[in-house]
């Protein structure tokens, strides 16, 4: 038939016997239908799975010194602006130090102003001999020491103010709160477990894994269709990055798909992706024509 085979599709799952079969009569042949297998233009698609993730994330922990969480001002899912205070740590130690140093700085500045004024008066009468050279030098030294004291206290105050600022956990950029591990009363330590994770606004992607045999057919810029569990519509994105290595255990390579920033794309959601890598004419069989057993799938062919 011009190289095109006919597939036999069994319409009966068992052979019926005539009533006289027991007397040596042959059983009738099984009833079948056939279909002509013809090549059809089919898309060649690479499929893979993965999860939705924020393209850029920041893990926020305590800085400077350990302190207990005093207040929480943000929850998971909140959209925040850069600089938004997410949590406050206890300030019972550092806040009084700041207040004390602010007072000391004002006092030091006042003393420095007085010392500078006395030195200038001494200089004004130096030519008429009203004050000894020793006294003038003493006043000059006092003015220099007073000014140095201002600088020392000012530096101490700046350091204390920086410590006070570090008791506020702030968002580093516009984004969404992905996780919150902080609890009121919890001891937050530098280098400890993150209190919050923030995903940058407008940066959503799918992180998936593709079979080693399919990875060479995928390239940056290709269009991908992504389906997310619980969402009844697909999302269209583009391949942004292809991993440089293959996992030795799973034989999979990583791929990242840039996606539009939409509320239905929640970081952590399971996702499936498809990338069309071409098309070709291939034989298409009806599903009912394909049989299977312990050795695999097979079809019947009519000669």
Protein backbone atom coordinates (compact mmCIF):
# COMPACT_ATOMS: atom_id res chain seq x y z
CA UNK A 1 0.00 0.00 0.00
CA UNK A 2 2.72 2.47 -1.01
CA UNK A 3 4.70 1.83 2.22
CA UNK A 4 1.77 2.81 4.50
CA UNK A 5 0.82 0.02 6.89
CA UNK A 6 -2.66 -0.82 8.13
CA UNK A 7 -3.06 -1.11 11.90
CA UNK A 8 -5.48 -3.70 13.27
CA UNK A 9 -7.56 -2.43 16.17
CA UNK A 10 -9.21 -5.25 18.02
CA UNK A 11 -12.91 -4.67 18.52
CA UNK A 12 -13.37 -7.88 20.47
CA UNK A 13 -11.26 -8.70 23.52
CA UNK A 14 -12.04 -12.40 23.33
CA UNK A 15 -13.05 -14.90 20.58
CA UNK A 16 -16.61 -16.17 20.55
CA UNK A 17 -17.07 -19.84 19.71
CA UNK A 18 -19.96 -21.32 17.71
CA UNK A 19 -22.11 -23.89 19.49
CA UNK A 20 -20.62 -26.61 17.28
CA UNK A 21 -17.03 -25.68 18.07
CA UNK A 22 -16.75 -28.58 20.38
CA UNK A 23 -17.35 -30.91 17.39
CA UNK A 24 -14.17 -29.78 15.68
CA UNK A 25 -15.53 -26.73 13.86
CA UNK A 26 -13.03 -23.85 13.49
CA UNK A 27 -13.69 -20.68 15.54
CA UNK A 28 -14.47 -17.54 13.54
CA UNK A 29 -11.68 -14.98 13.14
CA UNK A 30 -11.73 -12.03 15.58
CA UNK A 31 -13.56 -8.89 14.45
CA UNK A 32 -11.14 -6.05 13.79
CA UNK A 33 -11.08 -2.59 12.27
CA UNK A 34 -8.10 -1.02 10.58
CA UNK A 35 -6.74 2.49 10.17
CA UNK A 36 -4.20 3.86 7.73
CA UNK A 37 -1.16 5.38 9.43
CA UNK A 38 -0.18 8.63 7.74
CA UNK A 39 2.45 11.17 8.74
CA UNK A 40 1.16 14.30 10.48
CA UNK A 41 2.91 17.59 11.16
CA UNK A 42 3.67 17.56 14.90
CA UNK A 43 5.40 20.06 17.16
CA UNK A 44 8.53 18.85 18.92
CA UNK A 45 8.13 19.93 22.53
CA UNK A 46 10.51 19.72 25.49
CA UNK A 47 8.61 19.39 28.76
CA UNK A 48 9.93 19.93 32.27
CA UNK A 49 8.78 20.76 35.78
CA UNK A 50 9.91 23.06 38.55
CA UNK A 51 8.69 25.87 40.77
CA UNK A 52 7.91 29.57 40.63
CA UNK A 53 10.49 31.77 42.35
CA UNK A 54 11.41 35.40 42.79
CA UNK A 55 14.26 36.23 40.44
CA UNK A 56 16.13 38.20 43.12
CA UNK A 57 15.77 37.49 46.82
CA UNK A 58 17.30 38.90 49.99
CA UNK A 59 17.53 37.12 53.33
CA UNK A 60 17.35 39.63 56.17
CA UNK A 61 18.97 38.92 59.53
CA UNK A 62 19.95 40.99 62.54
CA UNK A 63 23.05 43.16 62.14
CA UNK A 64 25.52 44.52 64.64
CA UNK A 65 24.62 42.78 67.90
CA UNK A 66 22.08 40.35 69.30
CA UNK A 67 18.72 41.66 70.49
CA UNK A 68 15.21 40.37 70.97
CA UNK A 69 12.45 41.10 68.45
CA UNK A 70 10.25 43.82 69.95
CA UNK A 71 7.68 44.37 67.17
CA UNK A 72 6.67 42.89 63.82
CA UNK A 73 5.38 45.29 61.17
CA UNK A 74 5.10 43.04 58.09
CA UNK A 75 3.54 39.71 57.20
CA UNK A 76 4.06 37.15 54.44
CA UNK A 77 2.61 38.41 51.17
CA UNK A 78 2.91 42.10 52.05
CA UNK A 79 4.20 44.28 49.22
CA UNK A 80 6.74 46.71 50.61
CA UNK A 81 8.81 49.66 49.44
CA UNK A 82 12.55 50.01 49.85
CA UNK A 83 13.29 51.17 53.39
CA UNK A 84 10.02 49.92 54.88
CA UNK A 85 10.54 48.81 58.50
CA UNK A 86 9.62 45.12 58.74
CA UNK A 87 10.52 44.55 62.39
CA UNK A 88 12.02 46.36 65.37
CA UNK A 89 14.49 44.90 67.83
CA UNK A 90 14.79 45.80 71.50
CA UNK A 91 16.45 49.20 72.03
CA UNK A 92 16.55 49.24 75.84
CA UNK A 93 20.36 49.25 75.85
CA UNK A 94 21.33 51.37 72.88
CA UNK A 95 18.61 54.05 73.02
CA UNK A 96 19.76 55.44 76.43
CA UNK A 97 23.34 55.50 75.15
CA UNK A 98 22.26 57.61 72.19
CA UNK A 99 20.40 60.03 74.45
CA UNK A 100 23.38 60.30 76.81
CA UNK A 101 25.83 60.92 74.00
CA UNK A 102 23.57 63.54 72.42
CA UNK A 103 23.62 65.42 75.73
CA UNK A 104 27.40 64.99 76.03
CA UNK A 105 27.88 66.34 72.53
CA UNK A 106 25.89 69.47 73.28
CA UNK A 107 27.92 70.01 76.46
CA UNK A 108 31.20 69.42 74.64
CA UNK A 109 30.26 71.90 71.93
CA UNK A 110 29.40 74.51 74.56
CA UNK A 111 32.70 73.97 76.39
CA UNK A 112 34.58 74.16 73.10
CA UNK A 113 32.88 77.45 72.26
CA UNK A 114 33.87 78.91 75.64
CA UNK A 115 37.46 77.70 75.33
CA UNK A 116 37.74 79.12 71.82
CA UNK A 117 36.36 82.48 72.98
CA UNK A 118 38.84 82.68 75.88
CA UNK A 119 41.72 81.89 73.57
CA UNK A 120 40.67 84.61 71.12
CA UNK A 121 40.44 87.18 73.95
CA UNK A 122 43.89 86.17 75.08
CA UNK A 123 45.21 86.69 71.57
CA UNK A 124 43.55 90.13 71.44
CA UNK A 125 45.44 91.41 74.49
CA UNK A 126 48.69 89.60 73.84
CA UNK A 127 50.34 92.71 72.35
CA UNK A 128 49.72 94.86 75.44
CA UNK A 129 51.08 92.29 77.85
CA UNK A 130 47.82 91.85 79.78
CA UNK A 131 48.35 88.08 79.87
CA UNK A 132 51.50 86.07 80.08
CA UNK A 133 52.62 83.93 77.18
CA UNK A 134 52.15 80.89 79.41
CA UNK A 135 48.49 81.77 80.04
CA UNK A 136 47.85 82.33 76.35
CA UNK A 137 49.35 78.94 75.56
CA UNK A 138 47.21 77.33 78.26
CA UNK A 139 44.06 78.80 76.77
CA UNK A 140 45.08 77.68 73.29
CA UNK A 141 45.66 74.13 74.53
CA UNK A 142 42.29 74.19 76.29
CA UNK A 143 40.54 75.26 73.07
CA UNK A 144 42.27 72.50 71.09
CA UNK A 145 41.40 69.88 73.72
CA UNK A 146 37.77 71.03 73.83
CA UNK A 147 37.47 70.75 70.05
CA UNK A 148 39.05 67.29 70.14
CA UNK A 149 36.52 66.26 72.78
CA UNK A 150 33.71 67.36 70.45
CA UNK A 151 35.08 65.12 67.70
CA UNK A 152 35.39 62.12 70.03
CA UNK A 153 31.86 62.44 71.38
CA UNK A 154 30.49 63.08 67.88
CA UNK A 155 32.14 59.86 66.67
CA UNK A 156 30.74 57.93 69.63
CA UNK A 157 27.28 59.31 68.93
CA UNK A 158 27.45 58.37 65.24
CA UNK A 159 28.38 54.82 66.18
CA UNK A 160 25.56 54.57 68.72
CA UNK A 161 23.07 56.00 66.22
CA UNK A 162 24.19 53.40 63.66
CA UNK A 163 23.61 50.69 66.27
CA UNK A 164 20.17 52.12 66.93
CA UNK A 165 19.34 52.13 63.20
CA UNK A 166 20.38 48.48 62.99
CA UNK A 167 17.62 47.60 65.44
CA UNK A 168 15.18 48.23 62.58
CA UNK A 169 14.96 45.49 59.96
CA UNK A 170 14.22 47.27 56.67
CA UNK A 171 13.36 46.12 53.15
CA UNK A 172 16.42 46.60 50.90
CA UNK A 173 14.27 47.14 47.78
CA UNK A 174 10.67 47.23 46.54
CA UNK A 175 9.28 43.73 46.73
CA UNK A 176 7.12 41.16 48.45
CA UNK A 177 7.63 39.42 51.80
CA UNK A 178 8.19 35.76 50.92
CA UNK A 179 8.77 34.34 54.39
CA UNK A 180 8.76 35.57 57.98
CA UNK A 181 10.56 33.51 60.60
CA UNK A 182 10.72 36.32 63.17
CA UNK A 183 8.56 36.15 66.28
CA UNK A 184 8.14 38.74 69.03
CA UNK A 185 10.52 37.90 71.87
CA UNK A 186 12.81 35.83 69.65
CA UNK A 187 16.54 36.45 70.05
CA UNK A 188 17.89 37.72 66.75
CA UNK A 189 21.63 37.33 66.25
CA UNK A 190 23.99 38.52 63.49
CA UNK A 191 24.66 35.67 61.10
CA UNK A 192 21.74 33.73 62.52
CA UNK A 193 18.67 32.39 60.74
CA UNK A 194 17.02 34.96 58.42
CA UNK A 195 14.11 36.84 59.97
CA UNK A 196 12.57 37.65 56.56
CA UNK A 197 13.05 36.77 52.91
CA UNK A 198 12.14 39.48 50.39
CA UNK A 199 11.63 38.94 46.66
CA UNK A 200 12.31 41.89 44.37
CA UNK A 201 9.19 43.39 42.77
CA UNK A 202 8.72 42.63 39.08
CA UNK A 203 11.15 39.73 38.98
CA UNK A 204 9.36 36.38 38.71
CA UNK A 205 10.72 33.24 37.08
CA UNK A 206 10.24 29.51 36.83
CA UNK A 207 13.18 27.40 37.94
CA UNK A 208 13.02 23.99 36.32
CA UNK A 209 15.09 20.96 35.40
CA UNK A 210 15.36 19.52 31.90
CA UNK A 211 16.49 16.04 30.89
CA UNK A 212 20.09 15.83 29.74
CA UNK A 213 19.08 14.60 26.26
CA UNK A 214 16.78 17.62 25.74
CA UNK A 215 19.07 20.35 27.07
CA UNK A 216 21.06 20.85 23.81
CA UNK A 217 17.81 21.66 21.99
CA UNK A 218 16.97 24.54 24.31
CA UNK A 219 18.49 28.00 23.89
CA UNK A 220 18.22 31.38 25.59
CA UNK A 221 15.37 33.49 24.22
CA UNK A 222 13.07 30.62 23.26
CA UNK A 223 9.41 31.04 24.16
CA UNK A 224 8.08 28.82 26.95
CA UNK A 225 4.55 28.12 28.13
CA UNK A 226 4.21 27.63 31.87
CA UNK A 227 1.27 26.10 33.70
CA UNK A 228 0.90 26.58 37.45
CA UNK A 229 -1.03 24.33 39.79
CA UNK A 230 -4.38 25.86 40.67
CA UNK A 231 -4.36 28.42 37.83
CA UNK A 232 -6.50 27.57 34.79
CA UNK A 233 -4.51 29.57 32.24
CA UNK A 234 -0.93 29.28 31.00
CA UNK A 235 1.72 31.98 31.21
CA UNK A 236 4.12 32.83 28.42
CA UNK A 237 7.76 33.56 29.17
CA UNK A 238 11.24 33.24 27.68
CA UNK A 239 14.27 31.15 28.52
CA UNK A 240 16.60 33.43 30.49
CA UNK A 241 19.31 31.09 31.64
CA UNK A 242 20.46 27.53 30.97
CA UNK A 243 22.60 25.76 33.56
CA UNK A 244 26.22 25.04 32.73
CA UNK A 245 26.34 21.63 34.43
CA UNK A 246 24.36 18.39 34.55
CA UNK A 247 23.52 16.90 37.93
CA UNK A 248 25.49 13.66 38.20
CA UNK A 249 22.73 11.91 40.13
CA UNK A 250 19.55 13.04 38.34
CA UNK A 251 21.05 13.66 34.86
CA UNK A 252 19.08 16.91 34.75
CA UNK A 253 20.16 20.43 33.83
CA UNK A 254 18.65 23.64 35.18
CA UNK A 255 16.71 26.22 33.21
CA UNK A 256 15.16 29.53 34.24
CA UNK A 257 12.17 31.10 32.51
CA UNK A 258 11.43 34.82 32.81
CA UNK A 259 7.72 35.38 33.50
CA UNK A 260 5.44 38.41 33.84
CA UNK A 261 4.94 39.69 37.38
CA UNK A 262 1.37 38.61 38.10
CA UNK A 263 -0.34 37.85 41.39
CA UNK A 264 -1.21 34.32 40.27
CA UNK A 265 2.50 33.54 40.03
CA UNK A 266 3.32 32.88 43.66
CA UNK A 267 6.87 31.91 44.61
CA UNK A 268 7.00 28.27 45.63
CA UNK A 269 4.10 27.14 43.42
CA UNK A 270 4.63 23.93 41.41
CA UNK A 271 4.85 24.56 37.67
CA UNK A 272 5.19 22.67 34.40
CA UNK A 273 6.85 24.13 31.32
CA UNK A 274 6.86 23.44 27.60
CA UNK A 275 9.33 24.72 25.02
CA UNK A 276 8.68 24.17 21.30
CA UNK A 277 11.98 23.24 19.67
CA UNK A 278 10.72 22.58 16.13
CA UNK A 279 8.29 20.36 14.23
CA UNK A 280 8.25 17.44 11.80
CA UNK A 281 6.05 14.93 10.01
CA UNK A 282 5.63 11.80 12.09
CA UNK A 283 3.22 8.83 12.11
CA UNK A 284 0.31 9.45 14.47
CA UNK A 285 -1.44 6.43 15.99
CA UNK A 286 -4.82 6.39 17.73
CA UNK A 287 -4.37 5.63 21.40
CA UNK A 288 -6.67 2.60 21.08
CA UNK A 289 -4.25 1.03 18.59
CA UNK A 290 -1.41 0.87 21.07
CA UNK A 291 -1.26 -2.29 23.18
CA UNK A 292 1.06 -2.93 26.09
CA UNK A 293 2.39 -5.79 28.15
CA UNK A 294 5.27 -6.46 30.50
CA UNK A 295 7.79 -5.92 27.71
CA UNK A 296 6.43 -2.55 26.56
CA UNK A 297 4.06 -1.04 24.00
CA UNK A 298 3.25 -2.61 20.60
CA UNK A 299 0.75 -2.51 17.70
CA UNK A 300 -0.71 -5.09 15.32
CA UNK A 301 0.04 -4.59 11.63
CA UNK A 302 -1.95 -6.05 8.72
CA UNK A 303 0.40 -7.28 5.97
